[in-house]
C-alpha atoms as a PDB file:
ATOM      1  CA  MET A   1      23.018  11.567 -20.207  1.00  0.00           C
ATOM      2  CA  THR A   2      23.955  11.067 -16.388  1.00  0.00           C
ATOM      3  CA  THR A   3      27.360  10.213 -15.322  1.00  0.00           C
ATOM      4  CA  GLU A   4      25.314   7.279 -12.461  1.00  0.00           C
ATOM      5  CA  LYS A   5      27.018   3.555 -12.593  1.00  0.00           C
ATOM      6  CA  LEU A   6      24.363   0.944 -13.164  1.00  0.00           C
ATOM      7  CA  ASP A   7      23.513  -1.003 -10.692  1.00  0.00           C
ATOM      8  CA  PRO A   8      26.511  -4.182 -10.621  1.00  0.00           C
ATOM      9  CA  ASP A   9      23.204  -6.741 -11.114  1.00  0.00           C
ATOM     10  CA  LEU A  10      21.994  -4.746 -14.215  1.00  0.00           C
ATOM     11  CA  ALA A  11      25.104  -4.986 -15.702  1.00  0.00           C
ATOM     12  CA  ARG A  12      25.653  -8.867 -15.552  1.00  0.00           C
ATOM     13  CA  ARG A  13      22.030  -8.778 -16.908  1.00  0.00           C
ATOM     14  CA  LEU A  14      22.603  -6.521 -19.503  1.00  0.00           C
ATOM     15  CA  LYS A  15      26.161  -8.582 -20.883  1.00  0.00           C
ATOM     16  CA  LEU A  16      23.843 -11.517 -21.118  1.00  0.00           C
ATOM     17  CA  VAL A  17      21.571  -9.922 -23.466  1.00  0.00           C
ATOM     18  CA  ASP A  18      24.918  -9.618 -25.653  1.00  0.00           C
ATOM     19  CA  ASN A  19      25.424 -13.350 -25.696  1.00  0.00           C
ATOM     20  CA  PRO A  20      23.593 -15.674 -28.160  1.00  0.00           C
ATOM     21  CA  ASP A  21      24.327 -18.911 -26.156  1.00  0.00           C
ATOM     22  CA  TYR A  22      21.382 -17.244 -23.751  1.00  0.00           C
ATOM     23  CA  GLU A  23      18.846 -17.208 -26.033  1.00  0.00           C
ATOM     24  CA  GLY A  24      17.716 -20.660 -25.199  1.00  0.00           C
ATOM     25  CA  GLU A  25      16.784 -23.249 -27.846  1.00  0.00           C
ATOM     26  CA  PRO A  26      14.878 -22.911 -30.990  1.00  0.00           C
ATOM     27  CA  LEU A  27      11.262 -23.676 -30.748  1.00  0.00           C
ATOM     28  CA  THR A  28       9.725 -26.372 -31.667  1.00  0.00           C
ATOM     29  CA  LYS A  29       6.670 -27.612 -34.055  1.00  0.00           C
ATOM     30  CA  LYS A  30       4.802 -27.544 -30.664  1.00  0.00           C
ATOM     31  CA  ASP A  31       5.685 -24.559 -29.667  1.00  0.00           C
ATOM     32  CA  TYR A  32       4.854 -22.861 -32.856  1.00  0.00           C
ATOM     33  CA  THR A  33       1.472 -25.084 -32.417  1.00  0.00           C
ATOM     34  CA  LEU A  34       0.833 -23.644 -29.263  1.00  0.00           C
ATOM     35  CA  LEU A  35       1.485 -20.450 -30.440  1.00  0.00           C
ATOM     36  CA  VAL A  36      -1.350 -20.826 -33.102  1.00  0.00           C
ATOM     37  CA  LEU A  37      -3.746 -22.193 -31.127  1.00  0.00           C
ATOM     38  CA  ALA A  38      -3.242 -19.307 -28.324  1.00  0.00           C
ATOM     39  CA  GLY A  39      -3.220 -16.567 -30.688  1.00  0.00           C
ATOM     40  CA  ILE A  40      -4.950 -17.329 -33.141  1.00  0.00           C
ATOM     41  CA  ILE A  41      -7.870 -20.162 -33.139  1.00  0.00           C
ATOM     42  CA  LEU A  42      -8.682 -19.327 -28.772  1.00  0.00           C
ATOM     43  CA  PRO A  43      -9.413 -15.814 -29.745  1.00  0.00           C
ATOM     44  CA  LEU A  44     -11.601 -16.672 -32.773  1.00  0.00           C
ATOM     45  CA  LEU A  45     -13.804 -19.279 -30.888  1.00  0.00           C
ATOM     46  CA  LEU A  46     -14.183 -16.813 -27.964  1.00  0.00           C
ATOM     47  CA  MET A  47     -15.721 -14.108 -30.645  1.00  0.00           C
ATOM     48  CA  VAL A  48     -17.486 -16.449 -32.180  1.00  0.00           C
ATOM     49  CA  TRP A  49     -19.110 -17.843 -28.947  1.00  0.00           C
ATOM     50  CA  GLY A  50     -19.589 -14.115 -28.018  1.00  0.00           C
ATOM     51  CA  TRP A  51     -21.786 -13.438 -31.134  1.00  0.00           C
ATOM     52  CA  GLN A  52     -23.526 -16.590 -30.547  1.00  0.00           C
ATOM     53  CA  ILE A  53     -25.261 -15.006 -26.880  1.00  0.00           C
END
């Protein structure tokens, strides 16, 4: 390990990571729906479209 000091901005950000209040709001049903759409359904449709060409 080194004995270098961290940049003050980096140290402040690292402290924020430990704070559970900084995590934001939990995901909603709409968020999960968009994640499924963007992560599963859309790529599946693109693959099927690619197989048809």
